[in-house]
Amino acid sequence: MKGGNVSRGELLDVAADVAWRFKAYRGYGGDESTAIRAIRRKCPGFTARQYENALSKALDLYDAVELLVRERASELWDAHNAGDESWSRQLDADLKSRFKGFRVATFHSLVGMMFYYWHMR
């Protein structure tokens, strides 16, 4: 993503990845300023406030997805065991209405990673 124009969606996608590493793996030494620098390196061209806001929104998204996956774990297991991926459309729609600007693929990825991380490994 270096070079060229980076969209807001790309910025939020990178912020979601950084938030995942920050929270799930205690990355960046638990230091938000280090996490923000990681976003800045991957997505140059935004203001300091935009980077801070992107991380804040991504951390909120992480918390919401974690709660959603915990609340719907049995439902997700049933869908997983049946090979049914339609569950993601409803979750993605729920998240999209609450977290504007993020890509649907980001929601889907985060739900999948969270489900695997907390319930499958």
PDB file of N, CA and C in Angstrom:
ATOM      1  N   MET A   1       0.792  -1.189   0.000  1.00  0.00           N
ATOM      2  CA  MET A   1       0.000   0.000   0.000  1.00  0.00           C
ATOM      3  C   MET A   1       0.837   1.256   0.000  1.00  0.00           C
ATOM      4  N   LYS A   2       2.107   1.125   0.046  1.00  0.00           N
ATOM      5  CA  LYS A   2       2.950   2.315   0.042  1.00  0.00           C
ATOM      6  C   LYS A   2       2.885   2.995  -1.309  1.00  0.00           C
ATOM      7  N   GLY A   3       2.964   4.308  -1.241  1.00  0.00           N
ATOM      8  CA  GLY A   3       2.934   5.082  -2.469  1.00  0.00           C
ATOM      9  C   GLY A   3       1.521   5.244  -2.982  1.00  0.00           C
ATOM     10  N   GLY A   4       1.315   6.248  -3.796  1.00  0.00           N
ATOM     11  CA  GLY A   4      -0.001   6.469  -4.369  1.00  0.00           C
ATOM     12  C   GLY A   4      -1.013   6.915  -3.338  1.00  0.00           C
ATOM     13  N   ASN A   5      -2.233   7.058  -3.796  1.00  0.00           N
ATOM     14  CA  ASN A   5      -3.306   7.481  -2.892  1.00  0.00           C
ATOM     15  C   ASN A   5      -3.882   6.270  -2.176  1.00  0.00           C
ATOM     16  N   VAL A   6      -4.075   6.424  -0.901  1.00  0.00           N
ATOM     17  CA  VAL A   6      -4.659   5.363  -0.085  1.00  0.00           C
ATOM     18  C   VAL A   6      -6.047   5.824   0.319  1.00  0.00           C
ATOM     19  N   SER A   7      -7.038   4.973   0.113  1.00  0.00           N
ATOM     20  CA  SER A   7      -8.416   5.348   0.445  1.00  0.00           C
ATOM     21  C   SER A   7      -8.670   5.202   1.944  1.00  0.00           C
ATOM     22  N   ARG A   8      -9.754   5.796   2.373  1.00  0.00           N
ATOM     23  CA  ARG A   8     -10.168   5.675   3.769  1.00  0.00           C
ATOM     24  C   ARG A   8     -10.450   4.209   4.108  1.00  0.00           C
ATOM     25  N   GLY A   9     -11.043   3.483   3.168  1.00  0.00           N
ATOM     26  CA  GLY A   9     -11.312   2.057   3.379  1.00  0.00           C
ATOM     27  C   GLY A   9     -10.039   1.272   3.603  1.00  0.00           C
ATOM     28  N   GLU A  10      -9.011   1.601   2.835  1.00  0.00           N
ATOM     29  CA  GLU A  10      -7.714   0.937   3.022  1.00  0.00           C
ATOM     30  C   GLU A  10      -7.103   1.296   4.371  1.00  0.00           C
ATOM     31  N   LEU A  11      -7.221   2.569   4.749  1.00  0.00           N
ATOM     32  CA  LEU A  11      -6.713   3.005   6.048  1.00  0.00           C
ATOM     33  C   LEU A  11      -7.396   2.221   7.170  1.00  0.00           C
ATOM     34  N   LEU A  12      -8.718   2.112   7.115  1.00  0.00           N
ATOM     35  CA  LEU A  12      -9.452   1.395   8.153  1.00  0.00           C
ATOM     36  C   LEU A  12      -9.153  -0.097   8.123  1.00  0.00           C
ATOM     37  N   ASP A  13      -8.928  -0.644   6.935  1.00  0.00           N
ATOM     38  CA  ASP A  13      -8.571  -2.065   6.811  1.00  0.00           C
ATOM     39  C   ASP A  13      -7.231  -2.331   7.502  1.00  0.00           C
ATOM     40  N   VAL A  14      -6.254  -1.480   7.258  1.00  0.00           N
ATOM     41  CA  VAL A  14      -4.947  -1.608   7.907  1.00  0.00           C
ATOM     42  C   VAL A  14      -5.087  -1.405   9.413  1.00  0.00           C
ATOM     43  N   ALA A  15      -5.889  -0.427   9.811  1.00  0.00           N
ATOM     44  CA  ALA A  15      -6.099  -0.175  11.243  1.00  0.00           C
ATOM     45  C   ALA A  15      -6.736  -1.389  11.911  1.00  0.00           C
ATOM     46  N   ALA A  16      -7.656  -2.066  11.222  1.00  0.00           N
ATOM     47  CA  ALA A  16      -8.290  -3.266  11.782  1.00  0.00           C
ATOM     48  C   ALA A  16      -7.259  -4.382  11.971  1.00  0.00           C
ATOM     49  N   ASP A  17      -6.353  -4.518  11.023  1.00  0.00           N
ATOM     50  CA  ASP A  17      -5.292  -5.521  11.150  1.00  0.00           C
ATOM     51  C   ASP A  17      -4.376  -5.184  12.326  1.00  0.00           C
ATOM     52  N   VAL A  18      -4.024  -3.921  12.452  1.00  0.00           N
ATOM     53  CA  VAL A  18      -3.178  -3.480  13.573  1.00  0.00           C
ATOM     54  C   VAL A  18      -3.917  -3.697  14.899  1.00  0.00           C
ATOM     55  N   ALA A  19      -5.204  -3.381  14.936  1.00  0.00           N
ATOM     56  CA  ALA A  19      -5.992  -3.575  16.160  1.00  0.00           C
ATOM     57  C   ALA A  19      -6.025  -5.056  16.537  1.00  0.00           C
ATOM     58  N   TRP A  20      -6.158  -5.930  15.547  1.00  0.00           N
ATOM     59  CA  TRP A  20      -6.142  -7.379  15.794  1.00  0.00           C
ATOM     60  C   TRP A  20      -4.825  -7.785  16.456  1.00  0.00           C
ATOM     61  N   ARG A  21      -3.726  -7.363  15.870  1.00  0.00           N
ATOM     62  CA  ARG A  21      -2.410  -7.705  16.429  1.00  0.00           C
ATOM     63  C   ARG A  21      -2.222  -7.083  17.822  1.00  0.00           C
ATOM     64  N   PHE A  22      -2.699  -5.871  17.977  1.00  0.00           N
ATOM     65  CA  PHE A  22      -2.570  -5.137  19.237  1.00  0.00           C
ATOM     66  C   PHE A  22      -3.311  -5.858  20.368  1.00  0.00           C
ATOM     67  N   LYS A  23      -4.545  -6.278  20.095  1.00  0.00           N
ATOM     68  CA  LYS A  23      -5.377  -6.876  21.142  1.00  0.00           C
ATOM     69  C   LYS A  23      -5.187  -8.384  21.262  1.00  0.00           C
ATOM     70  N   ALA A  24      -5.214  -9.104  20.157  1.00  0.00           N
ATOM     71  CA  ALA A  24      -5.152 -10.575  20.224  1.00  0.00           C
ATOM     72  C   ALA A  24      -3.772 -11.070  20.641  1.00  0.00           C
ATOM     73  N   TYR A  25      -2.744 -10.390  20.168  1.00  0.00           N
ATOM     74  CA  TYR A  25      -1.375 -10.856  20.420  1.00  0.00           C
ATOM     75  C   TYR A  25      -0.575  -9.906  21.307  1.00  0.00           C
ATOM     76  N   ARG A  26      -1.245  -8.870  21.836  1.00  0.00           N
ATOM     77  CA  ARG A  26      -0.575  -7.862  22.660  1.00  0.00           C
ATOM     78  C   ARG A  26       0.616  -7.248  21.909  1.00  0.00           C
ATOM     79  N   GLY A  27       0.359  -6.988  20.642  1.00  0.00           N
ATOM     80  CA  GLY A  27       1.395  -6.440  19.780  1.00  0.00           C
ATOM     81  C   GLY A  27       1.703  -4.989  20.058  1.00  0.00           C
ATOM     82  N   TYR A  28       2.782  -4.544  19.455  1.00  0.00           N
ATOM     83  CA  TYR A  28       3.235  -3.155  19.543  1.00  0.00           C
ATOM     84  C   TYR A  28       3.551  -2.758  20.984  1.00  0.00           C
ATOM     85  N   GLY A  29       3.921  -3.745  21.780  1.00  0.00           N
ATOM     86  CA  GLY A  29       4.282  -3.491  23.164  1.00  0.00           C
ATOM     87  C   GLY A  29       3.130  -2.928  23.991  1.00  0.00           C
ATOM     88  N   GLY A  30       1.907  -3.121  23.497  1.00  0.00           N
ATOM     89  CA  GLY A  30       0.749  -2.580  24.208  1.00  0.00           C
ATOM     90  C   GLY A  30       0.666  -1.067  24.152  1.00  0.00           C
ATOM     91  N   ASP A  31       1.431  -0.468  23.266  1.00  0.00           N
ATOM     92  CA  ASP A  31       1.517   0.991  23.170  1.00  0.00           C
ATOM     93  C   ASP A  31       0.757   1.478  21.935  1.00  0.00           C
ATOM     94  N   GLU A  32      -0.312   2.231  22.163  1.00  0.00           N
ATOM     95  CA  GLU A  32      -1.124   2.711  21.045  1.00  0.00           C
ATOM     96  C   GLU A  32      -0.341   3.606  20.095  1.00  0.00           C
ATOM     97  N   SER A  33       0.588   4.394  20.605  1.00  0.00           N
ATOM     98  CA  SER A  33       1.353   5.279  19.715  1.00  0.00           C
ATOM     99  C   SER A  33       2.220   4.449  18.757  1.00  0.00           C
ATOM    100  N   THR A  34       2.719   3.327  19.224  1.00  0.00           N
ATOM    101  CA  THR A  34       3.492   2.433  18.346  1.00  0.00           C
ATOM    102  C   THR A  34       2.571   1.809  17.300  1.00  0.00           C
ATOM    103  N   ALA A  35       1.362   1.444  17.710  1.00  0.00           N
ATOM    104  CA  ALA A  35       0.387   0.891  16.772  1.00  0.00           C
ATOM    105  C   ALA A  35       0.015   1.927  15.713  1.00  0.00           C
ATOM    106  N   ILE A  36      -0.146   3.172  16.127  1.00  0.00           N
ATOM    107  CA  ILE A  36      -0.464   4.247  15.178  1.00  0.00           C
ATOM    108  C   ILE A  36       0.674   4.437  14.189  1.00  0.00           C
ATOM    109  N   ARG A  37       1.908   4.353  14.659  1.00  0.00           N
ATOM    110  CA  ARG A  37       3.057   4.467  13.746  1.00  0.00           C
ATOM    111  C   ARG A  37       3.047   3.338  12.717  1.00  0.00           C
ATOM    112  N   ALA A  38       2.628   2.149  13.127  1.00  0.00           N
ATOM    113  CA  ALA A  38       2.537   1.024  12.186  1.00  0.00           C
ATOM    114  C   ALA A  38       1.510   1.321  11.096  1.00  0.00           C
ATOM    115  N   ILE A  39       0.389   1.899  11.481  1.00  0.00           N
ATOM    116  CA  ILE A  39      -0.629   2.269  10.490  1.00  0.00           C
ATOM    117  C   ILE A  39      -0.074   3.338   9.551  1.00  0.00           C
ATOM    118  N   ARG A  40       0.598   4.332  10.116  1.00  0.00           N
ATOM    119  CA  ARG A  40       1.166   5.424   9.318  1.00  0.00           C
ATOM    120  C   ARG A  40       2.167   4.895   8.290  1.00  0.00           C
ATOM    121  N   ARG A  41       2.998   3.939   8.705  1.00  0.00           N
ATOM    122  CA  ARG A  41       3.988   3.359   7.776  1.00  0.00           C
ATOM    123  C   ARG A  41       3.310   2.658   6.603  1.00  0.00           C
ATOM    124  N   LYS A  42       2.214   1.976   6.890  1.00  0.00           N
ATOM    125  CA  LYS A  42       1.524   1.207   5.847  1.00  0.00           C
ATOM    126  C   LYS A  42       0.600   2.052   4.989  1.00  0.00           C
ATOM    127  N   CYS A  43       0.147   3.182   5.534  1.00  0.00           N
ATOM    128  CA  CYS A  43      -0.796   4.063   4.833  1.00  0.00           C
ATOM    129  C   CYS A  43      -0.378   5.517   4.974  1.00  0.00           C
ATOM    130  N   PRO A  44       0.618   5.932   4.231  1.00  0.00           N
ATOM    131  CA  PRO A  44       1.057   7.325   4.351  1.00  0.00           C
ATOM    132  C   PRO A  44       0.020   8.291   3.768  1.00  0.00           C
ATOM    133  N   GLY A  45       0.091   9.540   4.248  1.00  0.00           N
ATOM    134  CA  GLY A  45      -0.711  10.588   3.622  1.00  0.00           C
ATOM    135  C   GLY A  45      -1.904  11.080   4.417  1.00  0.00           C
ATOM    136  N   PHE A  46      -2.089  10.611   5.628  1.00  0.00           N
ATOM    137  CA  PHE A  46      -3.206  11.064   6.447  1.00  0.00           C
ATOM    138  C   PHE A  46      -2.681  11.937   7.584  1.00  0.00           C
ATOM    139  N   THR A  47      -3.596  12.601   8.260  1.00  0.00           N
ATOM    140  CA  THR A  47      -3.190  13.440   9.392  1.00  0.00           C
ATOM    141  C   THR A  47      -3.045  12.572  10.648  1.00  0.00           C
ATOM    142  N   ALA A  48      -2.364  13.125  11.639  1.00  0.00           N
ATOM    143  CA  ALA A  48      -2.191  12.407  12.910  1.00  0.00           C
ATOM    144  C   ALA A  48      -3.558  12.060  13.507  1.00  0.00           C
ATOM    145  N   ARG A  49      -4.481  12.992  13.423  1.00  0.00           N
ATOM    146  CA  ARG A  49      -5.821  12.757  13.970  1.00  0.00           C
ATOM    147  C   ARG A  49      -6.543  11.625  13.237  1.00  0.00           C
ATOM    148  N   GLN A  50      -6.369  11.554  11.925  1.00  0.00           N
ATOM    149  CA  GLN A  50      -7.007  10.476  11.156  1.00  0.00           C
ATOM    150  C   GLN A  50      -6.437   9.108  11.559  1.00  0.00           C
ATOM    151  N   TYR A  51      -5.134   9.039  11.800  1.00  0.00           N
ATOM    152  CA  TYR A  51      -4.538   7.774  12.246  1.00  0.00           C
ATOM    153  C   TYR A  51      -5.078   7.388  13.621  1.00  0.00           C
ATOM    154  N   GLU A  52      -5.160   8.360  14.519  1.00  0.00           N
ATOM    155  CA  GLU A  52      -5.680   8.091  15.864  1.00  0.00           C
ATOM    156  C   GLU A  52      -7.127   7.628  15.794  1.00  0.00           C
ATOM    157  N   ASN A  53      -7.935   8.312  14.989  1.00  0.00           N
ATOM    158  CA  ASN A  53      -9.341   7.941  14.833  1.00  0.00           C
ATOM    159  C   ASN A  53      -9.487   6.559  14.210  1.00  0.00           C
ATOM    160  N   ALA A  54      -8.650   6.250  13.224  1.00  0.00           N
ATOM    161  CA  ALA A  54      -8.717   4.941  12.571  1.00  0.00           C
ATOM    162  C   ALA A  54      -8.427   3.833  13.577  1.00  0.00           C
ATOM    163  N   LEU A  55      -7.395   4.015  14.402  1.00  0.00           N
ATOM    164  CA  LEU A  55      -7.085   2.992  15.400  1.00  0.00           C
ATOM    165  C   LEU A  55      -8.220   2.888  16.416  1.00  0.00           C
ATOM    166  N   SER A  56      -8.737   4.009  16.865  1.00  0.00           N
ATOM    167  CA  SER A  56      -9.829   3.993  17.836  1.00  0.00           C
ATOM    168  C   SER A  56     -11.042   3.242  17.286  1.00  0.00           C
ATOM    169  N   LYS A  57     -11.412   3.535  16.052  1.00  0.00           N
ATOM    170  CA  LYS A  57     -12.543   2.849  15.417  1.00  0.00           C
ATOM    171  C   LYS A  57     -12.262   1.361  15.257  1.00  0.00           C
ATOM    172  N   ALA A  58     -11.028   1.029  14.889  1.00  0.00           N
ATOM    173  CA  ALA A  58     -10.666  -0.376  14.698  1.00  0.00           C
ATOM    174  C   ALA A  58     -10.668  -1.135  16.027  1.00  0.00           C
ATOM    175  N   LEU A  59     -10.238  -0.493  17.097  1.00  0.00           N
ATOM    176  CA  LEU A  59     -10.285  -1.135  18.413  1.00  0.00           C
ATOM    177  C   LEU A  59     -11.731  -1.340  18.861  1.00  0.00           C
ATOM    178  N   ASP A  60     -12.592  -0.377  18.565  1.00  0.00           N
ATOM    179  CA  ASP A  60     -14.019  -0.533  18.866  1.00  0.00           C
ATOM    180  C   ASP A  60     -14.614  -1.681  18.051  1.00  0.00           C
ATOM    181  N   LEU A  61     -14.232  -1.767  16.788  1.00  0.00           N
ATOM    182  CA  LEU A  61     -14.695  -2.869  15.936  1.00  0.00           C
ATOM    183  C   LEU A  61     -14.232  -4.206  16.501  1.00  0.00           C
ATOM    184  N   TYR A  62     -12.976  -4.294  16.891  1.00  0.00           N
ATOM    185  CA  TYR A  62     -12.444  -5.528  17.480  1.00  0.00           C
ATOM    186  C   TYR A  62     -13.304  -5.953  18.675  1.00  0.00           C
ATOM    187  N   ASP A  63     -13.581  -5.014  19.574  1.00  0.00           N
ATOM    188  CA  ASP A  63     -14.378  -5.326  20.765  1.00  0.00           C
ATOM    189  C   ASP A  63     -15.782  -5.800  20.386  1.00  0.00           C
ATOM    190  N   ALA A  64     -16.388  -5.156  19.403  1.00  0.00           N
ATOM    191  CA  ALA A  64     -17.734  -5.533  18.964  1.00  0.00           C
ATOM    192  C   ALA A  64     -17.741  -6.921  18.342  1.00  0.00           C
ATOM    193  N   VAL A  65     -16.739  -7.214  17.524  1.00  0.00           N
ATOM    194  CA  VAL A  65     -16.659  -8.532  16.891  1.00  0.00           C
ATOM    195  C   VAL A  65     -16.405  -9.611  17.943  1.00  0.00           C
ATOM    196  N   GLU A  66     -15.543  -9.314  18.894  1.00  0.00           N
ATOM    197  CA  GLU A  66     -15.274 -10.282  19.959  1.00  0.00           C
ATOM    198  C   GLU A  66     -16.563 -10.627  20.714  1.00  0.00           C
ATOM    199  N   LEU A  67     -17.327  -9.620  21.054  1.00  0.00           N
ATOM    200  CA  LEU A  67     -18.586  -9.833  21.760  1.00  0.00           C
ATOM    201  C   LEU A  67     -19.570 -10.615  20.891  1.00  0.00           C
ATOM    202  N   LEU A  68     -19.680 -10.240  19.642  1.00  0.00           N
ATOM    203  CA  LEU A  68     -20.586 -10.900  18.709  1.00  0.00           C
ATOM    204  C   LEU A  68     -20.238 -12.373  18.551  1.00  0.00           C
ATOM    205  N   VAL A  69     -18.973 -12.665  18.401  1.00  0.00           N
ATOM    206  CA  VAL A  69     -18.534 -14.054  18.231  1.00  0.00           C
ATOM    207  C   VAL A  69     -18.787 -14.850  19.509  1.00  0.00           C
ATOM    208  N   ARG A  70     -18.535 -14.260  20.647  1.00  0.00           N
ATOM    209  CA  ARG A  70     -18.806 -14.962  21.916  1.00  0.00           C
ATOM    210  C   ARG A  70     -20.303 -15.230  22.088  1.00  0.00           C
ATOM    211  N   GLU A  71     -21.128 -14.238  21.760  1.00  0.00           N
ATOM    212  CA  GLU A  71     -22.580 -14.396  21.916  1.00  0.00           C
ATOM    213  C   GLU A  71     -23.165 -15.419  20.942  1.00  0.00           C
ATOM    214  N   ARG A  72     -22.567 -15.516  19.776  1.00  0.00           N
ATOM    215  CA  ARG A  72     -23.125 -16.389  18.727  1.00  0.00           C
ATOM    216  C   ARG A  72     -22.245 -17.597  18.435  1.00  0.00           C
ATOM    217  N   ALA A  73     -21.417 -17.989  19.366  1.00  0.00           N
ATOM    218  CA  ALA A  73     -20.474 -19.085  19.135  1.00  0.00           C
ATOM    219  C   ALA A  73     -21.172 -20.374  18.725  1.00  0.00           C
ATOM    220  N   SER A  74     -22.239 -20.759  19.410  1.00  0.00           N
ATOM    221  CA  SER A  74     -22.889 -22.024  19.065  1.00  0.00           C
ATOM    222  C   SER A  74     -23.516 -21.960  17.671  1.00  0.00           C
ATOM    223  N   GLU A  75     -24.090 -20.818  17.344  1.00  0.00           N
ATOM    224  CA  GLU A  75     -24.656 -20.602  16.007  1.00  0.00           C
ATOM    225  C   GLU A  75     -23.558 -20.685  14.927  1.00  0.00           C
ATOM    226  N   LEU A  76     -22.408 -20.091  15.216  1.00  0.00           N
ATOM    227  CA  LEU A  76     -21.285 -20.128  14.271  1.00  0.00           C
ATOM    228  C   LEU A  76     -20.734 -21.543  14.132  1.00  0.00           C
ATOM    229  N   TRP A  77     -20.682 -22.282  15.239  1.00  0.00           N
ATOM    230  CA  TRP A  77     -20.239 -23.677  15.168  1.00  0.00           C
ATOM    231  C   TRP A  77     -21.170 -24.491  14.290  1.00  0.00           C
ATOM    232  N   ASP A  78     -22.479 -24.336  14.481  1.00  0.00           N
ATOM    233  CA  ASP A  78     -23.451 -25.077  13.671  1.00  0.00           C
ATOM    234  C   ASP A  78     -23.269 -24.766  12.191  1.00  0.00           C
ATOM    235  N   ALA A  79     -23.119 -23.490  11.866  1.00  0.00           N
ATOM    236  CA  ALA A  79     -22.922 -23.088  10.468  1.00  0.00           C
ATOM    237  C   ALA A  79     -21.606 -23.642   9.937  1.00  0.00           C
ATOM    238  N   HIS A  80     -20.561 -23.567  10.742  1.00  0.00           N
ATOM    239  CA  HIS A  80     -19.253 -24.088  10.328  1.00  0.00           C
ATOM    240  C   HIS A  80     -19.331 -25.590  10.045  1.00  0.00           C
ATOM    241  N   ASN A  81     -19.949 -26.327  10.955  1.00  0.00           N
ATOM    242  CA  ASN A  81     -20.059 -27.782  10.792  1.00  0.00           C
ATOM    243  C   ASN A  81     -20.910 -28.172   9.591  1.00  0.00           C
ATOM    244  N   ALA A  82     -21.873 -27.330   9.240  1.00  0.00           N
ATOM    245  CA  ALA A  82     -22.735 -27.589   8.087  1.00  0.00           C
ATOM    246  C   ALA A  82     -22.127 -27.065   6.784  1.00  0.00           C
ATOM    247  N   GLY A  83     -20.978 -26.377   6.892  1.00  0.00           N
ATOM    248  CA  GLY A  83     -20.354 -25.804   5.699  1.00  0.00           C
ATOM    249  C   GLY A  83     -21.136 -24.630   5.148  1.00  0.00           C
ATOM    250  N   ASP A  84     -21.916 -23.997   5.990  1.00  0.00           N
ATOM    251  CA  ASP A  84     -22.798 -22.891   5.596  1.00  0.00           C
ATOM    252  C   ASP A  84     -22.116 -21.561   5.891  1.00  0.00           C
ATOM    253  N   GLU A  85     -21.855 -20.794   4.852  1.00  0.00           N
ATOM    254  CA  GLU A  85     -21.200 -19.493   5.031  1.00  0.00           C
ATOM    255  C   GLU A  85     -22.194 -18.340   5.030  1.00  0.00           C
ATOM    256  N   SER A  86     -23.476 -18.633   4.953  1.00  0.00           N
ATOM    257  CA  SER A  86     -24.473 -17.551   4.906  1.00  0.00           C
ATOM    258  C   SER A  86     -24.538 -16.772   6.212  1.00  0.00           C
ATOM    259  N   TRP A  87     -24.054 -17.348   7.304  1.00  0.00           N
ATOM    260  CA  TRP A  87     -24.035 -16.655   8.593  1.00  0.00           C
ATOM    261  C   TRP A  87     -23.322 -15.308   8.489  1.00  0.00           C
ATOM    262  N   SER A  88     -22.319 -15.267   7.627  1.00  0.00           N
ATOM    263  CA  SER A  88     -21.503 -14.052   7.558  1.00  0.00           C
ATOM    264  C   SER A  88     -22.273 -12.864   7.004  1.00  0.00           C
ATOM    265  N   ARG A  89     -23.229 -13.104   6.128  1.00  0.00           N
ATOM    266  CA  ARG A  89     -23.976 -11.979   5.549  1.00  0.00           C
ATOM    267  C   ARG A  89     -24.730 -11.193   6.622  1.00  0.00           C
ATOM    268  N   GLN A  90     -25.352 -11.890   7.555  1.00  0.00           N
ATOM    269  CA  GLN A  90     -26.091 -11.199   8.611  1.00  0.00           C
ATOM    270  C   GLN A  90     -25.139 -10.474   9.552  1.00  0.00           C
ATOM    271  N   LEU A  91     -24.059 -11.137   9.953  1.00  0.00           N
ATOM    272  CA  LEU A  91     -23.088 -10.492  10.837  1.00  0.00           C
ATOM    273  C   LEU A  91     -22.457  -9.293  10.146  1.00  0.00           C
ATOM    274  N   ASP A  92     -22.084  -9.465   8.878  1.00  0.00           N
ATOM    275  CA  ASP A  92     -21.481  -8.367   8.130  1.00  0.00           C
ATOM    276  C   ASP A  92     -22.443  -7.180   8.046  1.00  0.00           C
ATOM    277  N   ALA A  93     -23.718  -7.462   7.796  1.00  0.00           N
ATOM    278  CA  ALA A  93     -24.718  -6.382   7.699  1.00  0.00           C
ATOM    279  C   ALA A  93     -24.877  -5.679   9.048  1.00  0.00           C
ATOM    280  N   ASP A  94     -24.902  -6.449  10.122  1.00  0.00           N
ATOM    281  CA  ASP A  94     -25.013  -5.852  11.459  1.00  0.00           C
ATOM    282  C   ASP A  94     -23.826  -4.923  11.729  1.00  0.00           C
ATOM    283  N   LEU A  95     -22.634  -5.402  11.418  1.00  0.00           N
ATOM    284  CA  LEU A  95     -21.424  -4.615  11.674  1.00  0.00           C
ATOM    285  C   LEU A  95     -21.354  -3.390  10.764  1.00  0.00           C
ATOM    286  N   LYS A  96     -21.731  -3.573   9.500  1.00  0.00           N
ATOM    287  CA  LYS A  96     -21.653  -2.464   8.542  1.00  0.00           C
ATOM    288  C   LYS A  96     -22.545  -1.301   8.968  1.00  0.00           C
ATOM    289  N   SER A  97     -23.687  -1.612   9.554  1.00  0.00           N
ATOM    290  CA  SER A  97     -24.588  -0.534   9.980  1.00  0.00           C
ATOM    291  C   SER A  97     -24.016   0.236  11.172  1.00  0.00           C
ATOM    292  N   ARG A  98     -23.153  -0.392  11.934  1.00  0.00           N
ATOM    293  CA  ARG A  98     -22.582   0.240  13.130  1.00  0.00           C
ATOM    294  C   ARG A  98     -21.199   0.841  12.902  1.00  0.00           C
ATOM    295  N   PHE A  99     -20.473   0.320  11.925  1.00  0.00           N
ATOM    296  CA  PHE A  99     -19.084   0.745  11.709  1.00  0.00           C
ATOM    297  C   PHE A  99     -18.910   1.203  10.268  1.00  0.00           C
ATOM    298  N   LYS A 100     -19.283   2.427  10.017  1.00  0.00           N
ATOM    299  CA  LYS A 100     -19.214   3.008   8.672  1.00  0.00           C
ATOM    300  C   LYS A 100     -17.763   3.169   8.220  1.00  0.00           C
ATOM    301  N   GLY A 101     -17.541   2.921   6.952  1.00  0.00           N
ATOM    302  CA  GLY A 101     -16.228   3.143   6.359  1.00  0.00           C
ATOM    303  C   GLY A 101     -15.382   1.893   6.226  1.00  0.00           C
ATOM    304  N   PHE A 102     -15.631   0.892   7.067  1.00  0.00           N
ATOM    305  CA  PHE A 102     -14.890  -0.356   6.947  1.00  0.00           C
ATOM    306  C   PHE A 102     -15.445  -1.165   5.790  1.00  0.00           C
ATOM    307  N   ARG A 103     -14.592  -1.940   5.162  1.00  0.00           N
ATOM    308  CA  ARG A 103     -15.014  -2.811   4.076  1.00  0.00           C
ATOM    309  C   ARG A 103     -15.701  -4.050   4.644  1.00  0.00           C
ATOM    310  N   VAL A 104     -16.665  -4.573   3.894  1.00  0.00           N
ATOM    311  CA  VAL A 104     -17.345  -5.806   4.315  1.00  0.00           C
ATOM    312  C   VAL A 104     -16.326  -6.934   4.460  1.00  0.00           C
ATOM    313  N   ALA A 105     -15.335  -6.976   3.600  1.00  0.00           N
ATOM    314  CA  ALA A 105     -14.300  -8.015   3.695  1.00  0.00           C
ATOM    315  C   ALA A 105     -13.550  -7.936   5.021  1.00  0.00           C
ATOM    316  N   THR A 106     -13.410  -6.729   5.568  1.00  0.00           N
ATOM    317  CA  THR A 106     -12.751  -6.559   6.862  1.00  0.00           C
ATOM    318  C   THR A 106     -13.591  -7.198   7.965  1.00  0.00           C
ATOM    319  N   PHE A 107     -14.904  -6.988   7.922  1.00  0.00           N
ATOM    320  CA  PHE A 107     -15.784  -7.611   8.914  1.00  0.00           C
ATOM    321  C   PHE A 107     -15.684  -9.128   8.831  1.00  0.00           C
ATOM    322  N   HIS A 108     -15.817  -9.625   7.613  1.00  0.00           N
ATOM    323  CA  HIS A 108     -15.802 -11.077   7.397  1.00  0.00           C
ATOM    324  C   HIS A 108     -14.488 -11.682   7.894  1.00  0.00           C
ATOM    325  N   SER A 109     -13.402 -11.036   7.572  1.00  0.00           N
ATOM    326  CA  SER A 109     -12.087 -11.514   7.993  1.00  0.00           C
ATOM    327  C   SER A 109     -11.951 -11.507   9.509  1.00  0.00           C
ATOM    328  N   LEU A 110     -12.364 -10.421  10.138  1.00  0.00           N
ATOM    329  CA  LEU A 110     -12.254 -10.305  11.591  1.00  0.00           C
ATOM    330  C   LEU A 110     -13.130 -11.332  12.308  1.00  0.00           C
ATOM    331  N   VAL A 111     -14.342 -11.530  11.826  1.00  0.00           N
ATOM    332  CA  VAL A 111     -15.219 -12.542  12.428  1.00  0.00           C
ATOM    333  C   VAL A 111     -14.587 -13.922  12.293  1.00  0.00           C
ATOM    334  N   GLY A 112     -14.075 -14.232  11.116  1.00  0.00           N
ATOM    335  CA  GLY A 112     -13.438 -15.537  10.903  1.00  0.00           C
ATOM    336  C   GLY A 112     -12.213 -15.739  11.779  1.00  0.00           C
ATOM    337  N   MET A 113     -11.361 -14.717  11.850  1.00  0.00           N
ATOM    338  CA  MET A 113     -10.163 -14.828  12.685  1.00  0.00           C
ATOM    339  C   MET A 113     -10.534 -14.953  14.148  1.00  0.00           C
ATOM    340  N   MET A 114     -11.513 -14.175  14.571  1.00  0.00           N
ATOM    341  CA  MET A 114     -11.925 -14.195  15.973  1.00  0.00           C
ATOM    342  C   MET A 114     -12.533 -15.555  16.330  1.00  0.00           C
ATOM    343  N   PHE A 115     -13.370 -16.080  15.459  1.00  0.00           N
ATOM    344  CA  PHE A 115     -13.986 -17.386  15.708  1.00  0.00           C
ATOM    345  C   PHE A 115     -12.903 -18.462  15.798  1.00  0.00           C
ATOM    346  N   TYR A 116     -11.981 -18.436  14.866  1.00  0.00           N
ATOM    347  CA  TYR A 116     -10.890 -19.413  14.903  1.00  0.00           C
ATOM    348  C   TYR A 116     -10.064 -19.238  16.179  1.00  0.00           C
ATOM    349  N   TYR A 117      -9.671 -18.017  16.473  1.00  0.00           N
ATOM    350  CA  TYR A 117      -8.782 -17.733  17.597  1.00  0.00           C
ATOM    351  C   TYR A 117      -9.387 -18.171  18.928  1.00  0.00           C
ATOM    352  N   TRP A 118     -10.677 -17.875  19.144  1.00  0.00           N
ATOM    353  CA  TRP A 118     -11.304 -18.156  20.430  1.00  0.00           C
ATOM    354  C   TRP A 118     -11.979 -19.511  20.524  1.00  0.00           C
ATOM    355  N   HIS A 119     -12.319 -20.129  19.371  1.00  0.00           N
ATOM    356  CA  HIS A 119     -13.148 -21.333  19.460  1.00  0.00           C
ATOM    357  C   HIS A 119     -12.632 -22.557  18.700  1.00  0.00           C
ATOM    358  N   MET A 120     -11.658 -22.392  17.827  1.00  0.00           N
ATOM    359  CA  MET A 120     -11.265 -23.537  17.009  1.00  0.00           C
ATOM    360  C   MET A 120      -9.843 -24.024  17.256  1.00  0.00           C
ATOM    361  N   ARG A 121      -8.990 -23.208  17.762  1.00  0.00           N
ATOM    362  CA  ARG A 121      -7.603 -23.643  17.884  1.00  0.00           C
ATOM    363  C   ARG A 121      -7.352 -24.378  19.162  1.00  0.00           C
TER     364      ARG A 121
END
